[in-house]
């Protein structure tokens, strides 16, 4: 979901939404906001994936970088100001629970770019690193 370009200027996070962008029926402050603020850690791969989608939606670069495996993490994230992440569909999961060390999440992330509705279909891999779930990499699907 990240565009890996050299940023021209830092992008400030957007204002926190009331409803959580991750798609669960919860308030942002009580759902992914807790993870973004460092008050809680993701219990599994799906929760981390949802929190990362929300971080893209609110443009929370520090959280995205913190939740990315150091071997695959970019130096920074250049958010496209014309792109708005709107909705997340989790299509499937594999392992990634409290007793696992690896997990996968297949999802479709819906966004609007230049006024056009688009979507990104990805199969993402997550692993535990130093006890915390982190995003390792993903394969974009057609």
N, C-alpha and C. Protein backbone atom coordinates (compact mmCIF):
# COMPACT_ATOMS: atom_id res chain seq x y z
N UNK A 1 0.81 -1.18 0.00
CA UNK A 1 0.00 0.00 0.00
C UNK A 1 0.86 1.25 0.00
N UNK A 2 2.12 1.15 0.32
CA UNK A 2 2.99 2.31 0.34
C UNK A 2 3.56 2.56 -1.04
N UNK A 3 3.65 3.80 -1.39
CA UNK A 3 4.34 4.17 -2.61
C UNK A 3 5.75 4.54 -2.19
N UNK A 4 6.73 3.89 -2.75
CA UNK A 4 8.11 4.08 -2.31
C UNK A 4 8.80 5.10 -3.19
N UNK A 5 8.55 6.36 -2.92
CA UNK A 5 9.19 7.46 -3.60
C UNK A 5 9.92 8.30 -2.56
N UNK A 6 10.84 9.09 -2.99
CA UNK A 6 11.52 9.98 -2.08
C UNK A 6 10.58 11.14 -1.78
N UNK A 7 10.24 11.36 -0.51
CA UNK A 7 9.30 12.43 -0.20
C UNK A 7 9.92 13.81 -0.41
N UNK A 8 9.08 14.74 -0.78
CA UNK A 8 9.55 16.11 -0.96
C UNK A 8 9.35 16.92 0.30
N UNK A 9 8.38 16.57 1.11
CA UNK A 9 8.14 17.25 2.38
C UNK A 9 7.37 16.30 3.28
N UNK A 10 7.57 16.39 4.60
CA UNK A 10 6.83 15.52 5.50
C UNK A 10 5.33 15.78 5.38
N UNK A 11 4.55 14.73 5.52
CA UNK A 11 3.10 14.85 5.47
C UNK A 11 2.56 14.70 6.87
N UNK A 12 1.76 15.66 7.30
CA UNK A 12 1.17 15.59 8.63
C UNK A 12 0.04 14.58 8.62
N UNK A 13 -0.15 13.86 9.74
CA UNK A 13 -1.27 12.93 9.80
C UNK A 13 -2.59 13.68 9.63
N UNK A 14 -3.58 13.00 9.09
CA UNK A 14 -4.89 13.61 8.96
C UNK A 14 -5.58 13.58 10.31
N UNK A 15 -6.64 14.33 10.46
CA UNK A 15 -7.39 14.34 11.71
C UNK A 15 -7.97 12.95 11.96
N UNK A 16 -8.00 12.56 13.20
CA UNK A 16 -8.50 11.23 13.56
C UNK A 16 -9.99 11.13 13.25
N UNK A 17 -10.39 10.07 12.57
CA UNK A 17 -11.81 9.88 12.28
C UNK A 17 -12.57 9.40 13.51
N UNK A 18 -13.88 9.48 13.48
CA UNK A 18 -14.69 8.95 14.57
C UNK A 18 -14.79 7.44 14.46
N UNK A 19 -15.23 6.94 13.31
CA UNK A 19 -15.32 5.50 13.09
C UNK A 19 -13.96 4.98 12.63
N UNK A 20 -13.62 3.76 13.04
CA UNK A 20 -12.33 3.22 12.67
C UNK A 20 -12.31 2.84 11.19
N UNK A 21 -11.29 3.29 10.45
CA UNK A 21 -11.18 2.96 9.03
C UNK A 21 -11.00 1.47 8.76
N UNK A 22 -10.60 0.68 9.76
CA UNK A 22 -10.29 -0.74 9.54
C UNK A 22 -11.50 -1.58 9.18
N UNK A 23 -12.69 -1.04 9.36
CA UNK A 23 -13.90 -1.77 8.99
C UNK A 23 -14.61 -2.46 10.15
N UNK A 24 -13.99 -2.53 11.31
CA UNK A 24 -14.68 -3.11 12.46
C UNK A 24 -15.64 -2.07 13.03
N UNK A 25 -16.74 -2.52 13.64
CA UNK A 25 -17.72 -1.56 14.18
C UNK A 25 -17.25 -0.98 15.51
N UNK A 26 -16.29 -0.09 15.45
CA UNK A 26 -15.73 0.51 16.67
C UNK A 26 -15.26 1.92 16.37
N UNK A 27 -15.12 2.68 17.43
CA UNK A 27 -14.58 4.03 17.30
C UNK A 27 -13.07 3.93 17.08
N UNK A 28 -12.52 4.80 16.25
CA UNK A 28 -11.09 4.79 15.96
C UNK A 28 -10.26 4.86 17.24
N UNK A 29 -10.63 5.75 18.15
CA UNK A 29 -9.84 5.94 19.37
C UNK A 29 -9.75 4.66 20.20
N UNK A 30 -10.79 3.83 20.15
CA UNK A 30 -10.84 2.60 20.95
C UNK A 30 -10.36 1.37 20.18
N UNK A 31 -10.18 1.50 18.88
CA UNK A 31 -9.81 0.36 18.03
C UNK A 31 -8.35 0.53 17.60
N UNK A 32 -8.12 0.89 16.36
CA UNK A 32 -6.75 1.03 15.85
C UNK A 32 -5.99 2.20 16.48
N UNK A 33 -6.70 3.20 16.93
CA UNK A 33 -6.06 4.34 17.57
C UNK A 33 -5.21 3.94 18.76
N UNK A 34 -5.66 2.94 19.52
CA UNK A 34 -4.88 2.45 20.67
C UNK A 34 -3.53 1.89 20.23
N UNK A 35 -3.53 1.18 19.09
CA UNK A 35 -2.28 0.63 18.57
C UNK A 35 -1.40 1.74 18.03
N UNK A 36 -1.99 2.68 17.33
CA UNK A 36 -1.22 3.80 16.76
C UNK A 36 -0.56 4.62 17.86
N UNK A 37 -1.26 4.79 18.98
CA UNK A 37 -0.71 5.58 20.09
C UNK A 37 0.27 4.79 20.95
N UNK A 38 0.42 3.48 20.68
CA UNK A 38 1.34 2.64 21.45
C UNK A 38 0.77 2.15 22.76
N UNK A 39 -0.56 2.26 22.95
CA UNK A 39 -1.20 1.82 24.18
C UNK A 39 -1.49 0.32 24.18
N UNK A 40 -1.44 -0.29 23.01
CA UNK A 40 -1.69 -1.72 22.87
C UNK A 40 -0.87 -2.24 21.69
N UNK A 41 -0.66 -3.54 21.67
CA UNK A 41 0.03 -4.19 20.55
C UNK A 41 -0.95 -5.12 19.86
N UNK A 42 -0.75 -5.32 18.58
CA UNK A 42 -1.62 -6.22 17.82
C UNK A 42 -1.51 -7.64 18.36
N UNK A 43 -2.67 -8.27 18.56
CA UNK A 43 -2.70 -9.63 19.09
C UNK A 43 -2.46 -10.66 18.00
N UNK A 44 -2.59 -10.26 16.74
CA UNK A 44 -2.41 -11.20 15.64
C UNK A 44 -2.21 -10.48 14.33
N UNK A 45 -1.99 -11.26 13.29
CA UNK A 45 -1.70 -10.70 11.97
C UNK A 45 -2.86 -9.88 11.42
N UNK A 46 -4.09 -10.37 11.56
CA UNK A 46 -5.23 -9.62 11.02
C UNK A 46 -5.40 -8.29 11.73
N UNK A 47 -5.26 -8.28 13.03
CA UNK A 47 -5.40 -7.02 13.75
C UNK A 47 -4.30 -6.03 13.33
N UNK A 48 -3.08 -6.54 13.13
CA UNK A 48 -2.01 -5.66 12.68
C UNK A 48 -2.32 -5.13 11.28
N UNK A 49 -2.81 -6.00 10.39
CA UNK A 49 -3.13 -5.57 9.04
C UNK A 49 -4.20 -4.49 9.05
N UNK A 50 -5.24 -4.69 9.86
CA UNK A 50 -6.30 -3.68 9.96
C UNK A 50 -5.75 -2.36 10.50
N UNK A 51 -4.88 -2.45 11.49
CA UNK A 51 -4.31 -1.22 12.07
C UNK A 51 -3.41 -0.51 11.07
N UNK A 52 -2.74 -1.27 10.22
CA UNK A 52 -1.89 -0.64 9.20
C UNK A 52 -2.75 0.03 8.13
N UNK A 53 -3.86 -0.61 7.73
CA UNK A 53 -4.76 0.05 6.79
C UNK A 53 -5.23 1.38 7.39
N UNK A 54 -5.64 1.35 8.66
CA UNK A 54 -6.08 2.58 9.32
C UNK A 54 -4.97 3.61 9.37
N UNK A 55 -3.74 3.16 9.57
CA UNK A 55 -2.60 4.09 9.61
C UNK A 55 -2.39 4.73 8.24
N UNK A 56 -2.59 3.97 7.16
CA UNK A 56 -2.52 4.58 5.84
C UNK A 56 -3.65 5.59 5.68
N UNK A 57 -4.84 5.27 6.16
CA UNK A 57 -5.99 6.16 6.03
C UNK A 57 -5.78 7.48 6.77
N UNK A 58 -5.14 7.43 7.94
CA UNK A 58 -4.90 8.66 8.72
C UNK A 58 -3.49 9.20 8.52
N UNK A 59 -2.71 8.54 7.67
CA UNK A 59 -1.34 8.96 7.34
C UNK A 59 -0.42 9.00 8.55
N UNK A 60 -0.42 7.92 9.29
CA UNK A 60 0.41 7.80 10.49
C UNK A 60 1.71 7.08 10.12
N UNK A 61 2.67 7.83 9.57
CA UNK A 61 3.94 7.25 9.14
C UNK A 61 4.72 6.60 10.27
N UNK A 62 4.82 7.21 11.47
CA UNK A 62 5.59 6.55 12.53
C UNK A 62 5.06 5.15 12.87
N UNK A 63 3.74 4.99 12.91
CA UNK A 63 3.20 3.67 13.21
C UNK A 63 3.50 2.69 12.09
N UNK A 64 3.32 3.12 10.86
CA UNK A 64 3.58 2.22 9.73
C UNK A 64 5.03 1.74 9.74
N UNK A 65 5.95 2.64 9.97
CA UNK A 65 7.37 2.25 10.00
C UNK A 65 7.67 1.35 11.20
N UNK A 66 7.07 1.65 12.34
CA UNK A 66 7.28 0.87 13.55
C UNK A 66 6.73 -0.56 13.40
N UNK A 67 5.66 -0.71 12.61
CA UNK A 67 5.01 -2.02 12.46
C UNK A 67 5.49 -2.76 11.20
N UNK A 68 6.59 -2.33 10.62
CA UNK A 68 7.16 -2.93 9.40
C UNK A 68 8.45 -3.63 9.79
N UNK A 69 8.67 -4.83 9.29
CA UNK A 69 9.88 -5.58 9.61
C UNK A 69 11.11 -4.79 9.15
N UNK A 70 12.16 -4.70 9.98
CA UNK A 70 13.33 -3.91 9.62
C UNK A 70 14.04 -4.36 8.34
N UNK A 71 13.91 -5.64 7.97
CA UNK A 71 14.56 -6.12 6.75
C UNK A 71 13.88 -5.64 5.47
N UNK A 72 12.61 -5.24 5.55
CA UNK A 72 11.87 -4.83 4.36
C UNK A 72 11.31 -3.40 4.47
N UNK A 73 11.52 -2.75 5.58
CA UNK A 73 10.96 -1.42 5.85
C UNK A 73 11.66 -0.35 5.01
N UNK A 74 10.88 0.53 4.37
CA UNK A 74 11.49 1.65 3.65
C UNK A 74 11.97 2.71 4.64
N UNK A 75 12.77 3.63 4.18
CA UNK A 75 13.26 4.70 5.05
C UNK A 75 12.14 5.66 5.42
N UNK A 76 11.19 5.85 4.52
CA UNK A 76 10.07 6.75 4.79
C UNK A 76 8.91 6.35 3.88
N UNK A 77 7.78 6.96 4.12
CA UNK A 77 6.59 6.71 3.32
C UNK A 77 6.13 8.03 2.74
N UNK A 78 5.97 8.05 1.45
CA UNK A 78 5.51 9.26 0.76
C UNK A 78 4.04 9.08 0.44
N UNK A 79 3.18 9.70 1.24
CA UNK A 79 1.75 9.60 1.02
C UNK A 79 1.35 10.48 -0.16
N UNK A 80 0.59 9.91 -1.07
CA UNK A 80 0.08 10.65 -2.21
C UNK A 80 -1.10 11.49 -1.74
N UNK A 81 -1.02 12.81 -1.80
CA UNK A 81 -2.11 13.65 -1.29
C UNK A 81 -3.42 13.48 -2.07
N UNK A 82 -3.36 12.95 -3.28
CA UNK A 82 -4.56 12.75 -4.09
C UNK A 82 -5.22 11.40 -3.82
N UNK A 83 -4.63 10.59 -2.96
CA UNK A 83 -5.14 9.24 -2.70
C UNK A 83 -5.78 9.18 -1.31
N UNK A 84 -6.99 8.61 -1.23
CA UNK A 84 -7.71 8.46 0.04
C UNK A 84 -8.12 7.00 0.21
N UNK A 85 -7.63 6.37 1.27
CA UNK A 85 -8.02 4.99 1.58
C UNK A 85 -9.40 5.05 2.20
N UNK A 86 -10.35 4.26 1.65
CA UNK A 86 -11.74 4.37 2.07
C UNK A 86 -12.32 3.15 2.78
N UNK A 87 -11.94 1.96 2.36
CA UNK A 87 -12.60 0.77 2.91
C UNK A 87 -11.70 -0.44 2.77
N UNK A 88 -11.81 -1.34 3.73
CA UNK A 88 -10.99 -2.55 3.76
C UNK A 88 -11.89 -3.79 3.78
N UNK A 89 -11.54 -4.77 2.96
CA UNK A 89 -12.19 -6.08 2.99
C UNK A 89 -11.11 -7.12 3.29
N UNK A 90 -11.26 -7.84 4.38
CA UNK A 90 -10.36 -8.96 4.67
C UNK A 90 -10.97 -10.18 4.01
N UNK A 91 -10.23 -10.76 3.06
CA UNK A 91 -10.73 -11.88 2.26
C UNK A 91 -10.37 -13.24 2.85
N UNK A 92 -9.31 -13.28 3.63
CA UNK A 92 -8.90 -14.54 4.24
C UNK A 92 -7.66 -14.37 5.09
N UNK A 93 -7.47 -15.29 6.03
CA UNK A 93 -6.29 -15.27 6.90
C UNK A 93 -5.72 -16.68 7.00
N UNK A 94 -4.45 -16.76 7.30
CA UNK A 94 -3.78 -18.03 7.54
C UNK A 94 -2.88 -17.91 8.75
N UNK A 95 -3.16 -18.69 9.76
CA UNK A 95 -2.43 -18.63 11.02
C UNK A 95 -2.43 -17.18 11.53
N UNK A 96 -1.34 -16.71 12.11
CA UNK A 96 -1.28 -15.33 12.59
C UNK A 96 -2.00 -15.07 13.88
N UNK A 97 -2.26 -16.12 14.65
CA UNK A 97 -2.94 -15.96 15.93
C UNK A 97 -1.97 -15.80 17.09
N UNK A 98 -2.49 -15.77 18.30
CA UNK A 98 -1.65 -15.53 19.48
C UNK A 98 -0.53 -16.55 19.69
N UNK A 99 -0.71 -17.77 19.18
CA UNK A 99 0.30 -18.81 19.40
C UNK A 99 1.16 -19.08 18.17
N UNK A 100 1.01 -18.25 17.15
CA UNK A 100 1.78 -18.42 15.91
C UNK A 100 2.93 -17.43 15.85
N UNK A 101 3.89 -17.72 14.97
CA UNK A 101 5.00 -16.79 14.74
C UNK A 101 4.94 -16.18 13.34
N UNK A 102 4.04 -16.73 12.50
CA UNK A 102 3.86 -16.21 11.15
C UNK A 102 2.37 -16.22 10.83
N UNK A 103 1.99 -15.38 9.89
CA UNK A 103 0.61 -15.36 9.47
C UNK A 103 0.46 -14.64 8.14
N UNK A 104 -0.67 -14.87 7.50
CA UNK A 104 -0.96 -14.19 6.24
C UNK A 104 -2.35 -13.58 6.30
N UNK A 105 -2.54 -12.51 5.55
CA UNK A 105 -3.85 -11.89 5.40
C UNK A 105 -4.00 -11.51 3.94
N UNK A 106 -5.10 -11.95 3.35
CA UNK A 106 -5.44 -11.53 2.00
C UNK A 106 -6.54 -10.48 2.13
N UNK A 107 -6.36 -9.37 1.45
CA UNK A 107 -7.32 -8.28 1.61
C UNK A 107 -7.48 -7.51 0.30
N UNK A 108 -8.54 -6.74 0.27
CA UNK A 108 -8.75 -5.78 -0.80
C UNK A 108 -8.96 -4.43 -0.12
N UNK A 109 -8.09 -3.48 -0.44
CA UNK A 109 -8.17 -2.13 0.12
C UNK A 109 -8.71 -1.20 -0.96
N UNK A 110 -9.81 -0.55 -0.65
CA UNK A 110 -10.46 0.35 -1.60
C UNK A 110 -10.00 1.78 -1.34
N UNK A 111 -9.73 2.48 -2.40
CA UNK A 111 -9.27 3.86 -2.28
C UNK A 111 -9.79 4.70 -3.43
N UNK A 112 -9.65 5.99 -3.29
CA UNK A 112 -10.04 6.92 -4.33
C UNK A 112 -8.80 7.71 -4.70
N UNK A 113 -8.49 7.74 -6.00
CA UNK A 113 -7.32 8.46 -6.51
C UNK A 113 -7.78 9.35 -7.65
N UNK A 114 -7.57 10.65 -7.50
CA UNK A 114 -7.97 11.58 -8.54
C UNK A 114 -9.45 11.48 -8.87
N UNK A 115 -10.27 11.17 -7.86
CA UNK A 115 -11.70 11.08 -8.06
C UNK A 115 -12.19 9.72 -8.55
N UNK A 116 -11.27 8.81 -8.88
CA UNK A 116 -11.64 7.47 -9.39
C UNK A 116 -11.57 6.44 -8.26
N UNK A 117 -12.56 5.56 -8.21
CA UNK A 117 -12.55 4.46 -7.25
C UNK A 117 -11.61 3.37 -7.77
N UNK A 118 -10.72 2.92 -6.91
CA UNK A 118 -9.74 1.88 -7.25
C UNK A 118 -9.66 0.90 -6.08
N UNK A 119 -8.93 -0.20 -6.28
CA UNK A 119 -8.69 -1.12 -5.17
C UNK A 119 -7.34 -1.80 -5.34
N UNK A 120 -6.81 -2.23 -4.23
CA UNK A 120 -5.54 -2.96 -4.18
C UNK A 120 -5.84 -4.31 -3.55
N UNK A 121 -5.51 -5.39 -4.25
CA UNK A 121 -5.71 -6.74 -3.74
C UNK A 121 -4.31 -7.29 -3.41
N UNK A 122 -4.10 -7.66 -2.16
CA UNK A 122 -2.78 -8.10 -1.72
C UNK A 122 -2.88 -9.30 -0.79
N UNK A 123 -1.88 -10.14 -0.86
CA UNK A 123 -1.69 -11.25 0.08
C UNK A 123 -0.44 -10.88 0.88
N UNK A 124 -0.64 -10.51 2.15
CA UNK A 124 0.46 -10.00 2.98
C UNK A 124 0.96 -11.05 3.95
N UNK A 125 2.26 -10.98 4.22
CA UNK A 125 2.89 -11.87 5.20
C UNK A 125 3.30 -11.06 6.43
N UNK A 126 3.03 -11.64 7.58
CA UNK A 126 3.35 -11.03 8.86
C UNK A 126 4.15 -12.02 9.69
N UNK A 127 5.05 -11.51 10.50
CA UNK A 127 5.85 -12.35 11.40
C UNK A 127 5.99 -11.64 12.74
N UNK A 128 6.38 -12.41 13.72
CA UNK A 128 6.72 -11.79 15.01
C UNK A 128 8.19 -11.40 14.96
N UNK A 129 8.46 -10.20 15.40
CA UNK A 129 9.83 -9.69 15.48
C UNK A 129 9.97 -9.05 16.86
N UNK A 130 10.88 -9.57 17.63
CA UNK A 130 11.10 -9.10 19.00
C UNK A 130 9.79 -9.11 19.78
N UNK A 131 8.99 -10.16 19.57
CA UNK A 131 7.76 -10.35 20.31
C UNK A 131 6.53 -9.65 19.76
N UNK A 132 6.69 -8.78 18.77
CA UNK A 132 5.58 -8.02 18.22
C UNK A 132 5.29 -8.45 16.79
N UNK A 133 4.01 -8.41 16.41
CA UNK A 133 3.65 -8.67 15.02
C UNK A 133 4.09 -7.51 14.14
N UNK A 134 4.70 -7.82 13.00
CA UNK A 134 5.12 -6.80 12.03
C UNK A 134 4.80 -7.29 10.62
N UNK A 135 4.63 -6.34 9.73
CA UNK A 135 4.40 -6.62 8.32
C UNK A 135 5.75 -6.97 7.69
N UNK A 136 5.82 -8.10 6.98
CA UNK A 136 7.06 -8.49 6.30
C UNK A 136 7.03 -8.07 4.84
N UNK A 137 6.06 -8.55 4.10
CA UNK A 137 5.94 -8.20 2.68
C UNK A 137 4.59 -8.66 2.16
N UNK A 138 4.35 -8.37 0.89
CA UNK A 138 3.09 -8.77 0.31
C UNK A 138 3.19 -8.93 -1.19
N UNK A 139 2.29 -9.75 -1.73
CA UNK A 139 2.18 -9.95 -3.16
C UNK A 139 0.89 -9.30 -3.64
N UNK A 140 1.01 -8.36 -4.55
CA UNK A 140 -0.16 -7.71 -5.11
C UNK A 140 -0.77 -8.67 -6.11
N UNK A 141 -2.08 -8.85 -6.00
CA UNK A 141 -2.82 -9.76 -6.87
C UNK A 141 -3.52 -8.96 -7.95
N UNK A 142 -3.79 -9.63 -9.07
CA UNK A 142 -4.46 -8.98 -10.20
C UNK A 142 -5.91 -8.78 -10.02
